[in-house]
N, C-alpha and C. Protein backbone atom coordinates (compact mmCIF):
# COMPACT_ATOMS: atom_id res chain seq x y z
N MET A 1 -62.51 26.76 -12.87
CA MET A 1 -61.29 27.53 -12.78
C MET A 1 -61.54 29.00 -12.45
N ILE A 2 -62.75 29.48 -12.72
CA ILE A 2 -63.04 30.88 -12.45
C ILE A 2 -62.87 31.18 -10.96
N MET A 3 -63.38 30.27 -10.10
CA MET A 3 -63.26 30.48 -8.66
C MET A 3 -61.79 30.50 -8.25
N HIS A 4 -61.00 29.61 -8.84
CA HIS A 4 -59.56 29.56 -8.52
C HIS A 4 -58.88 30.88 -8.87
N SER A 5 -59.17 31.41 -10.05
CA SER A 5 -58.52 32.67 -10.46
C SER A 5 -58.98 33.83 -9.58
N LYS A 6 -60.22 33.79 -9.12
CA LYS A 6 -60.69 34.84 -8.20
C LYS A 6 -59.95 34.75 -6.88
N ASN A 7 -59.73 33.53 -6.41
CA ASN A 7 -59.01 33.36 -5.14
C ASN A 7 -57.56 33.81 -5.27
N VAL A 8 -56.95 33.51 -6.40
CA VAL A 8 -55.58 33.95 -6.64
C VAL A 8 -55.53 35.48 -6.64
N ALA A 9 -56.49 36.08 -7.32
CA ALA A 9 -56.55 37.55 -7.38
C ALA A 9 -56.76 38.14 -5.98
N ASP A 10 -57.64 37.51 -5.19
CA ASP A 10 -57.89 38.01 -3.84
C ASP A 10 -56.66 37.85 -2.95
N ARG A 11 -55.97 36.72 -3.06
CA ARG A 11 -54.75 36.54 -2.25
C ARG A 11 -53.68 37.55 -2.65
N THR A 12 -53.57 37.81 -3.94
CA THR A 12 -52.61 38.80 -4.42
C THR A 12 -52.98 40.19 -3.91
N ARG A 13 -54.26 40.52 -4.00
CA ARG A 13 -54.72 41.84 -3.54
C ARG A 13 -54.51 41.99 -2.04
N LEU A 14 -54.76 40.93 -1.28
CA LEU A 14 -54.56 40.99 0.16
C LEU A 14 -53.10 41.28 0.49
N ALA A 15 -52.18 40.66 -0.23
CA ALA A 15 -50.75 40.93 -0.01
C ALA A 15 -50.41 42.37 -0.37
N GLU A 16 -50.99 42.87 -1.46
CA GLU A 16 -50.75 44.26 -1.86
C GLU A 16 -51.27 45.23 -0.80
N ILE A 17 -52.46 44.96 -0.30
CA ILE A 17 -53.05 45.83 0.72
C ILE A 17 -52.17 45.84 1.97
N ASP A 18 -51.74 44.66 2.40
CA ASP A 18 -50.89 44.57 3.60
C ASP A 18 -49.60 45.36 3.41
N LEU A 19 -49.02 45.27 2.23
CA LEU A 19 -47.80 46.02 1.94
C LEU A 19 -48.06 47.52 1.99
N GLN A 20 -49.16 47.96 1.41
CA GLN A 20 -49.50 49.39 1.41
C GLN A 20 -49.79 49.88 2.82
N LEU A 21 -50.45 49.05 3.62
CA LEU A 21 -50.78 49.46 4.98
C LEU A 21 -49.54 49.64 5.85
N THR A 22 -48.49 48.90 5.56
CA THR A 22 -47.26 49.05 6.36
C THR A 22 -46.53 50.34 6.04
N SER A 23 -46.85 50.94 4.89
CA SER A 23 -46.13 52.16 4.50
C SER A 23 -46.96 53.43 4.69
N GLN A 24 -48.15 53.31 5.30
CA GLN A 24 -49.00 54.49 5.49
C GLN A 24 -49.34 54.66 6.96
N PRO A 25 -49.51 55.90 7.37
CA PRO A 25 -49.98 56.13 8.74
C PRO A 25 -51.40 55.58 8.90
N GLU A 26 -51.69 55.01 10.07
CA GLU A 26 -53.00 54.38 10.30
C GLU A 26 -54.16 55.35 10.18
N GLU A 27 -53.95 56.60 10.51
CA GLU A 27 -55.05 57.55 10.57
C GLU A 27 -55.41 58.16 9.21
N CYS A 28 -54.59 57.98 8.20
CA CYS A 28 -54.88 58.64 6.93
C CYS A 28 -56.08 57.99 6.26
N GLU A 29 -56.77 58.77 5.44
CA GLU A 29 -58.01 58.33 4.80
C GLU A 29 -57.78 57.12 3.89
N ALA A 30 -56.67 57.12 3.18
CA ALA A 30 -56.36 56.00 2.28
C ALA A 30 -56.16 54.71 3.08
N SER A 31 -55.56 54.84 4.25
CA SER A 31 -55.33 53.67 5.09
C SER A 31 -56.64 53.08 5.59
N VAL A 32 -57.57 53.92 5.96
CA VAL A 32 -58.88 53.46 6.41
C VAL A 32 -59.60 52.73 5.27
N ALA A 33 -59.53 53.29 4.07
CA ALA A 33 -60.16 52.65 2.90
C ALA A 33 -59.52 51.29 2.63
N LEU A 34 -58.20 51.22 2.76
CA LEU A 34 -57.51 49.94 2.55
C LEU A 34 -57.90 48.91 3.61
N GLN A 35 -58.05 49.36 4.84
CA GLN A 35 -58.45 48.45 5.91
C GLN A 35 -59.84 47.89 5.65
N ILE A 36 -60.74 48.73 5.16
CA ILE A 36 -62.09 48.27 4.82
C ILE A 36 -62.04 47.28 3.66
N GLU A 37 -61.27 47.61 2.63
CA GLU A 37 -61.14 46.70 1.49
C GLU A 37 -60.54 45.37 1.95
N ARG A 38 -59.57 45.43 2.85
CA ARG A 38 -58.93 44.22 3.36
C ARG A 38 -59.95 43.31 4.04
N ILE A 39 -60.85 43.90 4.79
CA ILE A 39 -61.90 43.12 5.47
C ILE A 39 -62.74 42.36 4.45
N PHE A 40 -63.16 43.05 3.38
CA PHE A 40 -64.00 42.42 2.36
C PHE A 40 -63.25 41.32 1.61
N VAL A 41 -62.00 41.58 1.27
CA VAL A 41 -61.20 40.57 0.56
C VAL A 41 -61.00 39.35 1.45
N LYS A 42 -60.68 39.58 2.72
CA LYS A 42 -60.46 38.48 3.66
C LYS A 42 -61.74 37.67 3.86
N GLU A 43 -62.88 38.33 3.93
CA GLU A 43 -64.16 37.62 4.08
C GLU A 43 -64.43 36.73 2.87
N ARG A 44 -64.11 37.23 1.67
CA ARG A 44 -64.30 36.40 0.46
C ARG A 44 -63.41 35.17 0.51
N LEU A 45 -62.16 35.36 0.91
CA LEU A 45 -61.24 34.23 0.99
C LEU A 45 -61.67 33.24 2.07
N ASP A 46 -62.12 33.75 3.20
CA ASP A 46 -62.55 32.87 4.29
C ASP A 46 -63.81 32.09 3.93
N ALA A 47 -64.64 32.65 3.05
CA ALA A 47 -65.89 31.99 2.67
C ALA A 47 -65.68 30.85 1.68
N TYR A 48 -64.53 30.83 1.00
CA TYR A 48 -64.29 29.80 0.00
C TYR A 48 -64.08 28.45 0.69
N LYS A 49 -64.77 27.46 0.19
CA LYS A 49 -64.63 26.10 0.72
C LYS A 49 -63.77 25.29 -0.23
N TYR A 50 -62.66 24.81 0.28
CA TYR A 50 -61.77 24.00 -0.54
C TYR A 50 -62.36 22.61 -0.70
N PRO A 51 -62.44 22.10 -1.92
CA PRO A 51 -63.09 20.80 -2.16
C PRO A 51 -62.55 19.67 -1.29
N VAL A 52 -61.26 19.65 -1.03
CA VAL A 52 -60.70 18.57 -0.22
C VAL A 52 -61.23 18.61 1.21
N ALA A 53 -61.61 19.78 1.67
CA ALA A 53 -62.13 19.90 3.03
C ALA A 53 -63.51 19.28 3.18
N THR A 54 -64.17 19.00 2.07
CA THR A 54 -65.50 18.40 2.13
C THR A 54 -65.47 16.88 2.02
N LEU A 55 -64.28 16.31 1.80
CA LEU A 55 -64.16 14.85 1.72
C LEU A 55 -64.28 14.24 3.11
N PRO A 56 -64.87 13.06 3.20
CA PRO A 56 -64.92 12.38 4.51
C PRO A 56 -63.51 12.07 5.01
N ASN A 57 -63.34 12.06 6.32
CA ASN A 57 -62.03 11.82 6.93
C ASN A 57 -61.43 10.48 6.49
N GLU A 58 -62.28 9.48 6.30
CA GLU A 58 -61.79 8.16 5.90
C GLU A 58 -61.08 8.22 4.55
N ILE A 59 -61.63 8.98 3.62
CA ILE A 59 -61.03 9.09 2.29
C ILE A 59 -59.73 9.88 2.36
N VAL A 60 -59.73 10.97 3.09
CA VAL A 60 -58.50 11.77 3.23
C VAL A 60 -57.41 10.93 3.89
N SER A 61 -57.76 10.17 4.91
CA SER A 61 -56.78 9.30 5.58
C SER A 61 -56.21 8.29 4.61
N GLU A 62 -57.07 7.68 3.81
CA GLU A 62 -56.62 6.68 2.83
C GLU A 62 -55.65 7.29 1.83
N ILE A 63 -55.92 8.49 1.41
CA ILE A 63 -55.02 9.18 0.47
C ILE A 63 -53.65 9.38 1.10
N PHE A 64 -53.61 9.87 2.33
CA PHE A 64 -52.34 10.16 2.97
C PHE A 64 -51.58 8.89 3.35
N ILE A 65 -52.28 7.81 3.62
CA ILE A 65 -51.62 6.55 3.95
C ILE A 65 -50.72 6.11 2.80
N HIS A 66 -51.13 6.39 1.58
CA HIS A 66 -50.34 5.98 0.41
C HIS A 66 -49.03 6.77 0.29
N PHE A 67 -48.89 7.84 1.02
CA PHE A 67 -47.67 8.64 0.96
C PHE A 67 -46.72 8.35 2.12
N LEU A 68 -47.13 7.48 3.02
CA LEU A 68 -46.26 7.11 4.14
C LEU A 68 -45.17 6.17 3.65
N PRO A 69 -43.98 6.27 4.22
CA PRO A 69 -42.92 5.33 3.82
C PRO A 69 -43.29 3.91 4.29
N PRO A 70 -42.80 2.90 3.59
CA PRO A 70 -43.12 1.52 4.01
C PRO A 70 -42.56 1.25 5.41
N PRO A 71 -43.26 0.38 6.15
CA PRO A 71 -42.80 0.08 7.53
C PRO A 71 -41.49 -0.68 7.56
């Protein structure tokens, strides 16, 4: 669960940064710092591997088949 809470915190922080960036001029020093922080937060989020993405396609297909309406 620790990884999940870190991802939630990073997604929340990314939204906060984006909101702050829309209200500041691009050239200001705080904006540059936020842009740099945004890069690091985004890299952490992009590096996370979701467990379902590591399942073989056959297993994922079988799971979704059970949610299809009957023919």
